[in-house]
Amino acid sequence: MTTRRLLCAFALLSLAACSQLQQTGRAVADNNGVLQDSEIRPLGNKRYHIRVVGSSVFFDGQAETFFRRRAEAHSQRLGCKSWALVSYKSGTENTMLGARQYVDGVIECR
């Protein structure tokens, strides 16, 4: 019986280690305990690619808000007067542990 429990624990830990949600930038937990991760990459010409990912489908509806917060904070940090949205794409991607929401967008610092 103990061996069976050990095997189950090992299997669960192995699955958790295989998660495709990787820390790429800033990860925070909101009030609902949903993990949010984001990455900002410079593209040149005052343009920046921002990717926001939630840990589950429960992130739905929060993706746009979190994306806008990251864009606002980043543009202020750069000293921009404002920012403009160049492109925006959102959806659901499948992982080994289930679906999660994401947002990909490009902003331009003005």
PDB file of N, CA and C in Angstrom:
ATOM      1  N   MET A   1       0.825  -1.193   0.000  1.00  0.00           N
ATOM      2  CA  MET A   1       0.000   0.000   0.000  1.00  0.00           C
ATOM      3  C   MET A   1       0.871   1.259   0.000  1.00  0.00           C
ATOM      4  N   THR A   2       1.966   1.260   0.706  1.00  0.00           N
ATOM      5  CA  THR A   2       2.843   2.422   0.773  1.00  0.00           C
ATOM      6  C   THR A   2       3.510   2.670  -0.575  1.00  0.00           C
ATOM      7  N   THR A   3       3.872   1.617  -1.279  1.00  0.00           N
ATOM      8  CA  THR A   3       4.495   1.752  -2.591  1.00  0.00           C
ATOM      9  C   THR A   3       3.529   2.416  -3.570  1.00  0.00           C
ATOM     10  N   ARG A   4       2.271   2.046  -3.494  1.00  0.00           N
ATOM     11  CA  ARG A   4       1.268   2.626  -4.382  1.00  0.00           C
ATOM     12  C   ARG A   4       1.138   4.134  -4.128  1.00  0.00           C
ATOM     13  N   ARG A   5       1.139   4.538  -2.872  1.00  0.00           N
ATOM     14  CA  ARG A   5       1.057   5.956  -2.537  1.00  0.00           C
ATOM     15  C   ARG A   5       2.285   6.710  -3.031  1.00  0.00           C
ATOM     16  N   LEU A   6       3.438   6.099  -2.892  1.00  0.00           N
ATOM     17  CA  LEU A   6       4.665   6.726  -3.382  1.00  0.00           C
ATOM     18  C   LEU A   6       4.629   6.917  -4.890  1.00  0.00           C
ATOM     19  N   LEU A   7       4.159   5.906  -5.605  1.00  0.00           N
ATOM     20  CA  LEU A   7       4.053   6.005  -7.060  1.00  0.00           C
ATOM     21  C   LEU A   7       3.063   7.097  -7.465  1.00  0.00           C
ATOM     22  N   CYS A   8       1.940   7.201  -6.759  1.00  0.00           N
ATOM     23  CA  CYS A   8       0.957   8.246  -7.067  1.00  0.00           C
ATOM     24  C   CYS A   8       1.540   9.633  -6.805  1.00  0.00           C
ATOM     25  N   ALA A   9       2.242   9.777  -5.693  1.00  0.00           N
ATOM     26  CA  ALA A   9       2.856  11.066  -5.377  1.00  0.00           C
ATOM     27  C   ALA A   9       3.897  11.430  -6.424  1.00  0.00           C
ATOM     28  N   PHE A  10       4.701  10.471  -6.834  1.00  0.00           N
ATOM     29  CA  PHE A  10       5.722  10.713  -7.858  1.00  0.00           C
ATOM     30  C   PHE A  10       5.072  11.117  -9.175  1.00  0.00           C
ATOM     31  N   ALA A  11       3.996  10.447  -9.552  1.00  0.00           N
ATOM     32  CA  ALA A  11       3.301  10.769 -10.801  1.00  0.00           C
ATOM     33  C   ALA A  11       2.740  12.186 -10.768  1.00  0.00           C
ATOM     34  N   LEU A  12       2.138  12.577  -9.659  1.00  0.00           N
ATOM     35  CA  LEU A  12       1.585  13.934  -9.543  1.00  0.00           C
ATOM     36  C   LEU A  12       2.685  14.988  -9.590  1.00  0.00           C
ATOM     37  N   LEU A  13       3.790  14.747  -8.901  1.00  0.00           N
ATOM     38  CA  LEU A  13       4.900  15.702  -8.925  1.00  0.00           C
ATOM     39  C   LEU A  13       5.519  15.783 -10.317  1.00  0.00           C
ATOM     40  N   SER A  14       5.591  14.673 -11.016  1.00  0.00           N
ATOM     41  CA  SER A  14       6.129  14.675 -12.375  1.00  0.00           C
ATOM     42  C   SER A  14       5.256  15.490 -13.307  1.00  0.00           C
ATOM     43  N   LEU A  15       3.942  15.350 -13.190  1.00  0.00           N
ATOM     44  CA  LEU A  15       3.023  16.128 -14.018  1.00  0.00           C
ATOM     45  C   LEU A  15       3.146  17.611 -13.713  1.00  0.00           C
ATOM     46  N   ALA A  16       3.271  17.952 -12.458  1.00  0.00           N
ATOM     47  CA  ALA A  16       3.402  19.365 -12.088  1.00  0.00           C
ATOM     48  C   ALA A  16       4.689  19.951 -12.661  1.00  0.00           C
ATOM     49  N   ALA A  17       5.738  19.168 -12.710  1.00  0.00           N
ATOM     50  CA  ALA A  17       7.018  19.647 -13.244  1.00  0.00           C
ATOM     51  C   ALA A  17       6.963  19.814 -14.755  1.00  0.00           C
ATOM     52  N   CYS A  18       6.015  19.197 -15.410  1.00  0.00           N
ATOM     53  CA  CYS A  18       5.912  19.265 -16.870  1.00  0.00           C
ATOM     54  C   CYS A  18       5.031  20.416 -17.345  1.00  0.00           C
ATOM     55  N   SER A  19       4.575  21.232 -16.450  1.00  0.00           N
ATOM     56  CA  SER A  19       3.709  22.345 -16.828  1.00  0.00           C
ATOM     57  C   SER A  19       4.390  23.228 -17.860  1.00  0.00           C
ATOM     58  N   GLN A  20       3.627  23.697 -18.839  1.00  0.00           N
ATOM     59  CA  GLN A  20       4.179  24.559 -19.875  1.00  0.00           C
ATOM     60  C   GLN A  20       4.140  26.022 -19.484  1.00  0.00           C
ATOM     61  N   LEU A  21       3.561  26.339 -18.336  1.00  0.00           N
ATOM     62  CA  LEU A  21       3.537  27.728 -17.881  1.00  0.00           C
ATOM     63  C   LEU A  21       4.903  28.044 -17.299  1.00  0.00           C
ATOM     64  N   GLN A  22       5.661  28.835 -18.004  1.00  0.00           N
ATOM     65  CA  GLN A  22       7.007  29.177 -17.582  1.00  0.00           C
ATOM     66  C   GLN A  22       7.048  30.635 -17.177  1.00  0.00           C
ATOM     67  N   GLN A  23       7.845  30.930 -16.172  1.00  0.00           N
ATOM     68  CA  GLN A  23       7.990  32.321 -15.766  1.00  0.00           C
ATOM     69  C   GLN A  23       8.837  33.034 -16.803  1.00  0.00           C
ATOM     70  N   THR A  24       8.268  34.042 -17.428  1.00  0.00           N
ATOM     71  CA  THR A  24       8.981  34.764 -18.479  1.00  0.00           C
ATOM     72  C   THR A  24       9.249  36.204 -18.096  1.00  0.00           C
ATOM     73  N   GLY A  25       8.601  36.686 -17.117  1.00  0.00           N
ATOM     74  CA  GLY A  25       8.781  38.080 -16.754  1.00  0.00           C
ATOM     75  C   GLY A  25       8.277  38.337 -15.363  1.00  0.00           C
ATOM     76  N   ARG A  26       7.091  38.824 -15.284  1.00  0.00           N
ATOM     77  CA  ARG A  26       6.503  39.192 -14.011  1.00  0.00           C
ATOM     78  C   ARG A  26       5.312  38.285 -13.737  1.00  0.00           C
ATOM     79  N   ALA A  27       5.351  37.556 -12.671  1.00  0.00           N
ATOM     80  CA  ALA A  27       4.241  36.684 -12.306  1.00  0.00           C
ATOM     81  C   ALA A  27       3.630  37.180 -11.011  1.00  0.00           C
ATOM     82  N   VAL A  28       2.328  37.307 -10.997  1.00  0.00           N
ATOM     83  CA  VAL A  28       1.617  37.757  -9.805  1.00  0.00           C
ATOM     84  C   VAL A  28       0.356  36.921  -9.653  1.00  0.00           C
ATOM     85  N   ALA A  29      -0.191  36.890  -8.469  1.00  0.00           N
ATOM     86  CA  ALA A  29      -1.471  36.228  -8.242  1.00  0.00           C
ATOM     87  C   ALA A  29      -2.496  37.305  -7.938  1.00  0.00           C
ATOM     88  N   ASP A  30      -3.636  37.220  -8.588  1.00  0.00           N
ATOM     89  CA  ASP A  30      -4.673  38.215  -8.323  1.00  0.00           C
ATOM     90  C   ASP A  30      -5.480  37.809  -7.088  1.00  0.00           C
ATOM     91  N   ASN A  31      -6.530  38.535  -6.799  1.00  0.00           N
ATOM     92  CA  ASN A  31      -7.348  38.262  -5.612  1.00  0.00           C
ATOM     93  C   ASN A  31      -8.019  36.895  -5.661  1.00  0.00           C
ATOM     94  N   ASN A  32      -8.199  36.360  -6.855  1.00  0.00           N
ATOM     95  CA  ASN A  32      -8.843  35.057  -7.000  1.00  0.00           C
ATOM     96  C   ASN A  32      -7.831  33.917  -7.009  1.00  0.00           C
ATOM     97  N   GLY A  33      -6.543  34.227  -6.847  1.00  0.00           N
ATOM     98  CA  GLY A  33      -5.516  33.193  -6.835  1.00  0.00           C
ATOM     99  C   GLY A  33      -5.104  32.738  -8.215  1.00  0.00           C
ATOM    100  N   VAL A  34      -5.465  33.482  -9.255  1.00  0.00           N
ATOM    101  CA  VAL A  34      -5.117  33.111 -10.617  1.00  0.00           C
ATOM    102  C   VAL A  34      -3.736  33.672 -10.943  1.00  0.00           C
ATOM    103  N   LEU A  35      -2.831  32.816 -11.352  1.00  0.00           N
ATOM    104  CA  LEU A  35      -1.484  33.247 -11.677  1.00  0.00           C
ATOM    105  C   LEU A  35      -1.478  33.948 -13.022  1.00  0.00           C
ATOM    106  N   GLN A  36      -0.826  35.096 -13.066  1.00  0.00           N
ATOM    107  CA  GLN A  36      -0.690  35.851 -14.303  1.00  0.00           C
ATOM    108  C   GLN A  36       0.791  36.023 -14.572  1.00  0.00           C
ATOM    109  N   ASP A  37       1.207  35.795 -15.787  1.00  0.00           N
ATOM    110  CA  ASP A  37       2.607  35.916 -16.160  1.00  0.00           C
ATOM    111  C   ASP A  37       2.678  36.802 -17.392  1.00  0.00           C
ATOM    112  N   SER A  38       3.694  37.644 -17.467  1.00  0.00           N
ATOM    113  CA  SER A  38       3.806  38.507 -18.635  1.00  0.00           C
ATOM    114  C   SER A  38       5.258  38.671 -19.040  1.00  0.00           C
ATOM    115  N   GLU A  39       5.430  39.041 -20.296  1.00  0.00           N
ATOM    116  CA  GLU A  39       6.759  39.237 -20.868  1.00  0.00           C
ATOM    117  C   GLU A  39       6.701  40.460 -21.772  1.00  0.00           C
ATOM    118  N   ILE A  40       7.722  41.311 -21.686  1.00  0.00           N
ATOM    119  CA  ILE A  40       7.810  42.478 -22.562  1.00  0.00           C
ATOM    120  C   ILE A  40       9.112  42.381 -23.336  1.00  0.00           C
ATOM    121  N   ARG A  41       8.995  42.521 -24.664  1.00  0.00           N
ATOM    122  CA  ARG A  41      10.168  42.408 -25.531  1.00  0.00           C
ATOM    123  C   ARG A  41      10.231  43.618 -26.457  1.00  0.00           C
ATOM    124  N   PRO A  42      11.370  44.341 -26.484  1.00  0.00           N
ATOM    125  CA  PRO A  42      11.489  45.491 -27.395  1.00  0.00           C
ATOM    126  C   PRO A  42      11.571  45.035 -28.854  1.00  0.00           C
ATOM    127  N   LEU A  43      10.889  45.765 -29.735  1.00  0.00           N
ATOM    128  CA  LEU A  43      10.895  45.444 -31.167  1.00  0.00           C
ATOM    129  C   LEU A  43      11.623  46.504 -31.985  1.00  0.00           C
ATOM    130  N   GLY A  44      11.979  47.631 -31.371  1.00  0.00           N
ATOM    131  CA  GLY A  44      12.600  48.736 -32.102  1.00  0.00           C
ATOM    132  C   GLY A  44      11.560  49.758 -32.497  1.00  0.00           C
ATOM    133  N   ASN A  45      12.014  50.957 -32.869  1.00  0.00           N
ATOM    134  CA  ASN A  45      11.113  52.053 -33.271  1.00  0.00           C
ATOM    135  C   ASN A  45      10.051  52.347 -32.216  1.00  0.00           C
ATOM    136  N   LYS A  46      10.436  52.275 -30.950  1.00  0.00           N
ATOM    137  CA  LYS A  46       9.536  52.562 -29.825  1.00  0.00           C
ATOM    138  C   LYS A  46       8.353  51.603 -29.747  1.00  0.00           C
ATOM    139  N   ARG A  47       8.518  50.404 -30.280  1.00  0.00           N
ATOM    140  CA  ARG A  47       7.460  49.397 -30.220  1.00  0.00           C
ATOM    141  C   ARG A  47       7.884  48.253 -29.298  1.00  0.00           C
ATOM    142  N   TYR A  48       6.894  47.711 -28.594  1.00  0.00           N
ATOM    143  CA  TYR A  48       7.147  46.654 -27.621  1.00  0.00           C
ATOM    144  C   TYR A  48       6.080  45.574 -27.737  1.00  0.00           C
ATOM    145  N   HIS A  49       6.528  44.332 -27.710  1.00  0.00           N
ATOM    146  CA  HIS A  49       5.619  43.190 -27.721  1.00  0.00           C
ATOM    147  C   HIS A  49       5.346  42.807 -26.274  1.00  0.00           C
ATOM    148  N   ILE A  50       4.075  42.689 -25.916  1.00  0.00           N
ATOM    149  CA  ILE A  50       3.680  42.284 -24.573  1.00  0.00           C
ATOM    150  C   ILE A  50       2.863  41.005 -24.687  1.00  0.00           C
ATOM    151  N   ARG A  51       3.234  40.012 -23.896  1.00  0.00           N
ATOM    152  CA  ARG A  51       2.493  38.749 -23.842  1.00  0.00           C
ATOM    153  C   ARG A  51       2.060  38.526 -22.399  1.00  0.00           C
ATOM    154  N   VAL A  52       0.776  38.283 -22.216  1.00  0.00           N
ATOM    155  CA  VAL A  52       0.202  38.028 -20.900  1.00  0.00           C
ATOM    156  C   VAL A  52      -0.446  36.655 -20.936  1.00  0.00           C
ATOM    157  N   VAL A  53      -0.168  35.831 -19.924  1.00  0.00           N
ATOM    158  CA  VAL A  53      -0.708  34.476 -19.867  1.00  0.00           C
ATOM    159  C   VAL A  53      -1.291  34.231 -18.483  1.00  0.00           C
ATOM    160  N   GLY A  54      -2.448  33.604 -18.439  1.00  0.00           N
ATOM    161  CA  GLY A  54      -3.052  33.194 -17.170  1.00  0.00           C
ATOM    162  C   GLY A  54      -2.838  31.710 -16.963  1.00  0.00           C
ATOM    163  N   SER A  55      -2.900  31.273 -15.731  1.00  0.00           N
ATOM    164  CA  SER A  55      -2.623  29.880 -15.433  1.00  0.00           C
ATOM    165  C   SER A  55      -3.776  28.947 -15.783  1.00  0.00           C
ATOM    166  N   SER A  56      -4.941  29.495 -16.075  1.00  0.00           N
ATOM    167  CA  SER A  56      -6.089  28.640 -16.387  1.00  0.00           C
ATOM    168  C   SER A  56      -7.117  29.429 -17.171  1.00  0.00           C
ATOM    169  N   VAL A  57      -8.197  28.748 -17.544  1.00  0.00           N
ATOM    170  CA  VAL A  57      -9.272  29.429 -18.265  1.00  0.00           C
ATOM    171  C   VAL A  57     -10.021  30.391 -17.354  1.00  0.00           C
ATOM    172  N   PHE A  58      -9.822  30.299 -16.044  1.00  0.00           N
ATOM    173  CA  PHE A  58     -10.479  31.210 -15.116  1.00  0.00           C
ATOM    174  C   PHE A  58      -9.922  32.629 -15.249  1.00  0.00           C
ATOM    175  N   PHE A  59      -8.830  32.774 -15.981  1.00  0.00           N
ATOM    176  CA  PHE A  59      -8.213  34.069 -16.252  1.00  0.00           C
ATOM    177  C   PHE A  59      -9.044  34.859 -17.260  1.00  0.00           C
ATOM    178  N   ASP A  60      -9.993  34.189 -17.915  1.00  0.00           N
ATOM    179  CA  ASP A  60     -10.818  34.816 -18.948  1.00  0.00           C
ATOM    180  C   ASP A  60     -11.472  36.085 -18.414  1.00  0.00           C
ATOM    181  N   GLY A  61     -11.421  37.135 -19.202  1.00  0.00           N
ATOM    182  CA  GLY A  61     -12.007  38.394 -18.798  1.00  0.00           C
ATOM    183  C   GLY A  61     -11.018  39.310 -18.097  1.00  0.00           C
ATOM    184  N   GLN A  62      -9.949  38.764 -17.567  1.00  0.00           N
ATOM    185  CA  GLN A  62      -8.943  39.559 -16.886  1.00  0.00           C
ATOM    186  C   GLN A  62      -7.753  39.852 -17.790  1.00  0.00           C
ATOM    187  N   ALA A  63      -7.642  39.144 -18.887  1.00  0.00           N
ATOM    188  CA  ALA A  63      -6.475  39.261 -19.764  1.00  0.00           C
ATOM    189  C   ALA A  63      -6.320  40.676 -20.313  1.00  0.00           C
ATOM    190  N   GLU A  64      -7.382  41.253 -20.819  1.00  0.00           N
ATOM    191  CA  GLU A  64      -7.299  42.595 -21.398  1.00  0.00           C
ATOM    192  C   GLU A  64      -6.929  43.625 -20.337  1.00  0.00           C
ATOM    193  N   THR A  65      -7.524  43.514 -19.168  1.00  0.00           N
ATOM    194  CA  THR A  65      -7.219  44.442 -18.077  1.00  0.00           C
ATOM    195  C   THR A  65      -5.755  44.353 -17.678  1.00  0.00           C
ATOM    196  N   PHE A  66      -5.255  43.138 -17.516  1.00  0.00           N
ATOM    197  CA  PHE A  66      -3.861  42.961 -17.116  1.00  0.00           C
ATOM    198  C   PHE A  66      -2.913  43.445 -18.211  1.00  0.00           C
ATOM    199  N   PHE A  67      -3.265  43.202 -19.477  1.00  0.00           N
ATOM    200  CA  PHE A  67      -2.453  43.671 -20.602  1.00  0.00           C
ATOM    201  C   PHE A  67      -2.353  45.194 -20.576  1.00  0.00           C
ATOM    202  N   ARG A  68      -3.488  45.862 -20.397  1.00  0.00           N
ATOM    203  CA  ARG A  68      -3.499  47.333 -20.364  1.00  0.00           C
ATOM    204  C   ARG A  68      -2.682  47.873 -19.184  1.00  0.00           C
ATOM    205  N   ARG A  69      -2.776  47.200 -18.027  1.00  0.00           N
ATOM    206  CA  ARG A  69      -1.977  47.627 -16.876  1.00  0.00           C
ATOM    207  C   ARG A  69      -0.484  47.520 -17.168  1.00  0.00           C
ATOM    208  N   ARG A  70      -0.079  46.422 -17.800  1.00  0.00           N
ATOM    209  CA  ARG A  70       1.344  46.221 -18.128  1.00  0.00           C
ATOM    210  C   ARG A  70       1.793  47.254 -19.158  1.00  0.00           C
ATOM    211  N   ALA A  71       0.966  47.540 -20.167  1.00  0.00           N
ATOM    212  CA  ALA A  71       1.318  48.527 -21.191  1.00  0.00           C
ATOM    213  C   ALA A  71       1.451  49.910 -20.569  1.00  0.00           C
ATOM    214  N   GLU A  72       0.527  50.267 -19.704  1.00  0.00           N
ATOM    215  CA  GLU A  72       0.564  51.570 -19.042  1.00  0.00           C
ATOM    216  C   GLU A  72       1.807  51.709 -18.161  1.00  0.00           C
ATOM    217  N   ALA A  73       2.078  50.705 -17.356  1.00  0.00           N
ATOM    218  CA  ALA A  73       3.235  50.748 -16.455  1.00  0.00           C
ATOM    219  C   ALA A  73       4.549  50.813 -17.234  1.00  0.00           C
ATOM    220  N   HIS A  74       4.633  50.046 -18.318  1.00  0.00           N
ATOM    221  CA  HIS A  74       5.868  50.028 -19.111  1.00  0.00           C
ATOM    222  C   HIS A  74       6.088  51.361 -19.822  1.00  0.00           C
ATOM    223  N   SER A  75       5.038  51.920 -20.387  1.00  0.00           N
ATOM    224  CA  SER A  75       5.186  53.202 -21.082  1.00  0.00           C
ATOM    225  C   SER A  75       5.546  54.323 -20.100  1.00  0.00           C
ATOM    226  N   GLN A  76       4.984  54.297 -18.905  1.00  0.00           N
ATOM    227  CA  GLN A  76       5.348  55.299 -17.889  1.00  0.00           C
ATOM    228  C   GLN A  76       6.805  55.144 -17.468  1.00  0.00           C
ATOM    229  N   ARG A  77       7.249  53.907 -17.310  1.00  0.00           N
ATOM    230  CA  ARG A  77       8.632  53.635 -16.927  1.00  0.00           C
ATOM    231  C   ARG A  77       9.610  54.165 -17.979  1.00  0.00           C
ATOM    232  N   LEU A  78       9.191  54.160 -19.244  1.00  0.00           N
ATOM    233  CA  LEU A  78      10.039  54.651 -20.338  1.00  0.00           C
ATOM    234  C   LEU A  78       9.953  56.169 -20.492  1.00  0.00           C
ATOM    235  N   GLY A  79       9.020  56.800 -19.797  1.00  0.00           N
ATOM    236  CA  GLY A  79       8.857  58.244 -19.897  1.00  0.00           C
ATOM    237  C   GLY A  79       7.984  58.679 -21.062  1.00  0.00           C
ATOM    238  N   CYS A  80       7.184  57.797 -21.582  1.00  0.00           N
ATOM    239  CA  CYS A  80       6.293  58.123 -22.698  1.00  0.00           C
ATOM    240  C   CYS A  80       5.094  58.920 -22.195  1.00  0.00           C
ATOM    241  N   LYS A  81       4.593  59.825 -23.042  1.00  0.00           N
ATOM    242  CA  LYS A  81       3.396  60.595 -22.686  1.00  0.00           C
ATOM    243  C   LYS A  81       2.156  59.722 -22.814  1.00  0.00           C
ATOM    244  N   SER A  82       2.186  58.808 -23.779  1.00  0.00           N
ATOM    245  CA  SER A  82       1.064  57.895 -23.985  1.00  0.00           C
ATOM    246  C   SER A  82       1.561  56.685 -24.771  1.00  0.00           C
ATOM    247  N   TRP A  83       0.650  55.768 -25.031  1.00  0.00           N
ATOM    248  CA  TRP A  83       0.974  54.604 -25.854  1.00  0.00           C
ATOM    249  C   TRP A  83      -0.213  54.285 -26.743  1.00  0.00           C
ATOM    250  N   ALA A  84       0.086  53.654 -27.869  1.00  0.00           N
ATOM    251  CA  ALA A  84      -0.965  53.258 -28.812  1.00  0.00           C
ATOM    252  C   ALA A  84      -0.873  51.757 -29.066  1.00  0.00           C
ATOM    253  N   LEU A  85      -2.020  51.159 -29.231  1.00  0.00           N
ATOM    254  CA  LEU A  85      -2.095  49.736 -29.526  1.00  0.00           C
ATOM    255  C   LEU A  85      -1.914  49.525 -31.021  1.00  0.00           C
ATOM    256  N   VAL A  86      -0.884  48.760 -31.397  1.00  0.00           N
ATOM    257  CA  VAL A  86      -0.598  48.498 -32.808  1.00  0.00           C
ATOM    258  C   VAL A  86      -1.283  47.210 -33.255  1.00  0.00           C
ATOM    259  N   SER A  87      -1.172  46.158 -32.436  1.00  0.00           N
ATOM    260  CA  SER A  87      -1.846  44.889 -32.745  1.00  0.00           C
ATOM    261  C   SER A  87      -2.238  44.200 -31.447  1.00  0.00           C
ATOM    262  N   TYR A  88      -3.265  43.361 -31.529  1.00  0.00           N
ATOM    263  CA  TYR A  88      -3.799  42.704 -30.341  1.00  0.00           C
ATOM    264  C   TYR A  88      -4.405  41.373 -30.753  1.00  0.00           C
ATOM    265  N   LYS A  89      -4.042  40.325 -30.030  1.00  0.00           N
ATOM    266  CA  LYS A  89      -4.590  38.997 -30.308  1.00  0.00           C
ATOM    267  C   LYS A  89      -4.777  38.288 -28.973  1.00  0.00           C
ATOM    268  N   SER A  90      -5.923  37.667 -28.771  1.00  0.00           N
ATOM    269  CA  SER A  90      -6.159  36.935 -27.536  1.00  0.00           C
ATOM    270  C   SER A  90      -6.817  35.609 -27.860  1.00  0.00           C
ATOM    271  N   GLY A  91      -6.712  34.689 -26.914  1.00  0.00           N
ATOM    272  CA  GLY A  91      -7.326  33.393 -27.139  1.00  0.00           C
ATOM    273  C   GLY A  91      -7.018  32.421 -26.024  1.00  0.00           C
ATOM    274  N   THR A  92      -7.214  31.159 -26.329  1.00  0.00           N
ATOM    275  CA  THR A  92      -6.978  30.072 -25.392  1.00  0.00           C
ATOM    276  C   THR A  92      -5.982  29.116 -26.012  1.00  0.00           C
ATOM    277  N   GLU A  93      -4.969  28.736 -25.237  1.00  0.00           N
ATOM    278  CA  GLU A  93      -4.012  27.744 -25.728  1.00  0.00           C
ATOM    279  C   GLU A  93      -4.067  26.522 -24.830  1.00  0.00           C
ATOM    280  N   ASN A  94      -3.852  25.366 -25.425  1.00  0.00           N
ATOM    281  CA  ASN A  94      -3.887  24.113 -24.687  1.00  0.00           C
ATOM    282  C   ASN A  94      -2.500  23.769 -24.177  1.00  0.00           C
ATOM    283  N   THR A  95      -2.443  23.256 -22.968  1.00  0.00           N
ATOM    284  CA  THR A  95      -1.203  22.769 -22.376  1.00  0.00           C
ATOM    285  C   THR A  95      -1.449  21.354 -21.881  1.00  0.00           C
ATOM    286  N   MET A  96      -0.430  20.738 -21.362  1.00  0.00           N
ATOM    287  CA  MET A  96      -0.584  19.377 -20.845  1.00  0.00           C
ATOM    288  C   MET A  96      -1.527  19.335 -19.645  1.00  0.00           C
ATOM    289  N   LEU A  97      -1.620  20.431 -18.914  1.00  0.00           N
ATOM    290  CA  LEU A  97      -2.456  20.452 -17.713  1.00  0.00           C
ATOM    291  C   LEU A  97      -3.780  21.177 -17.916  1.00  0.00           C
ATOM    292  N   GLY A  98      -4.104  21.508 -19.148  1.00  0.00           N
ATOM    293  CA  GLY A  98      -5.375  22.168 -19.421  1.00  0.00           C
ATOM    294  C   GLY A  98      -5.199  23.439 -20.216  1.00  0.00           C
ATOM    295  N   ALA A  99      -6.292  24.123 -20.428  1.00  0.00           N
ATOM    296  CA  ALA A  99      -6.286  25.341 -21.237  1.00  0.00           C
ATOM    297  C   ALA A  99      -5.945  26.551 -20.380  1.00  0.00           C
ATOM    298  N   ARG A 100      -5.380  27.576 -21.036  1.00  0.00           N
ATOM    299  CA  ARG A 100      -5.105  28.839 -20.354  1.00  0.00           C
ATOM    300  C   ARG A 100      -5.292  29.988 -21.332  1.00  0.00           C
ATOM    301  N   GLN A 101      -5.664  31.128 -20.808  1.00  0.00           N
ATOM    302  CA  GLN A 101      -5.906  32.318 -21.614  1.00  0.00           C
ATOM    303  C   GLN A 101      -4.602  33.065 -21.862  1.00  0.00           C
ATOM    304  N   TYR A 102      -4.505  33.726 -23.006  1.00  0.00           N
ATOM    305  CA  TYR A 102      -3.326  34.532 -23.314  1.00  0.00           C
ATOM    306  C   TYR A 102      -3.735  35.776 -24.097  1.00  0.00           C
ATOM    307  N   VAL A 103      -2.856  36.773 -24.069  1.00  0.00           N
ATOM    308  CA  VAL A 103      -2.997  37.965 -24.887  1.00  0.00           C
ATOM    309  C   VAL A 103      -1.626  38.295 -25.447  1.00  0.00           C
ATOM    310  N   ASP A 104      -1.535  38.523 -26.744  1.00  0.00           N
ATOM    311  CA  ASP A 104      -0.327  39.007 -27.419  1.00  0.00           C
ATOM    312  C   ASP A 104      -0.662  40.349 -28.018  1.00  0.00           C
ATOM    313  N   GLY A 105       0.180  41.336 -27.768  1.00  0.00           N
ATOM    314  CA  GLY A 105      -0.070  42.640 -28.345  1.00  0.00           C
ATOM    315  C   GLY A 105       1.211  43.414 -28.554  1.00  0.00           C
ATOM    316  N   VAL A 106       1.135  44.395 -29.447  1.00  0.00           N
ATOM    317  CA  VAL A 106       2.255  45.297 -29.703  1.00  0.00           C
ATOM    318  C   VAL A 106       1.776  46.698 -29.403  1.00  0.00           C
ATOM    319  N   ILE A 107       2.564  47.418 -28.599  1.00  0.00           N
ATOM    320  CA  ILE A 107       2.243  48.815 -28.308  1.00  0.00           C
ATOM    321  C   ILE A 107       3.353  49.700 -28.830  1.00  0.00           C
ATOM    322  N   GLU A 108       3.007  50.954 -29.079  1.00  0.00           N
ATOM    323  CA  GLU A 108       3.987  51.936 -29.526  1.00  0.00           C
ATOM    324  C   GLU A 108       4.021  53.085 -28.522  1.00  0.00           C
ATOM    325  N   CYS A 109       5.203  53.410 -28.063  1.00  0.00           N
ATOM    326  CA  CYS A 109       5.414  54.482 -27.106  1.00  0.00           C
ATOM    327  C   CYS A 109       5.348  55.822 -27.826  1.00  0.00           C
ATOM    328  N   ARG A 110       4.573  56.775 -27.282  1.00  0.00           N
ATOM    329  CA  ARG A 110       4.425  58.091 -27.918  1.00  0.00           C
ATOM    330  C   ARG A 110       4.798  59.193 -26.956  1.00  0.00           C
TER     331      ARG A 110
END
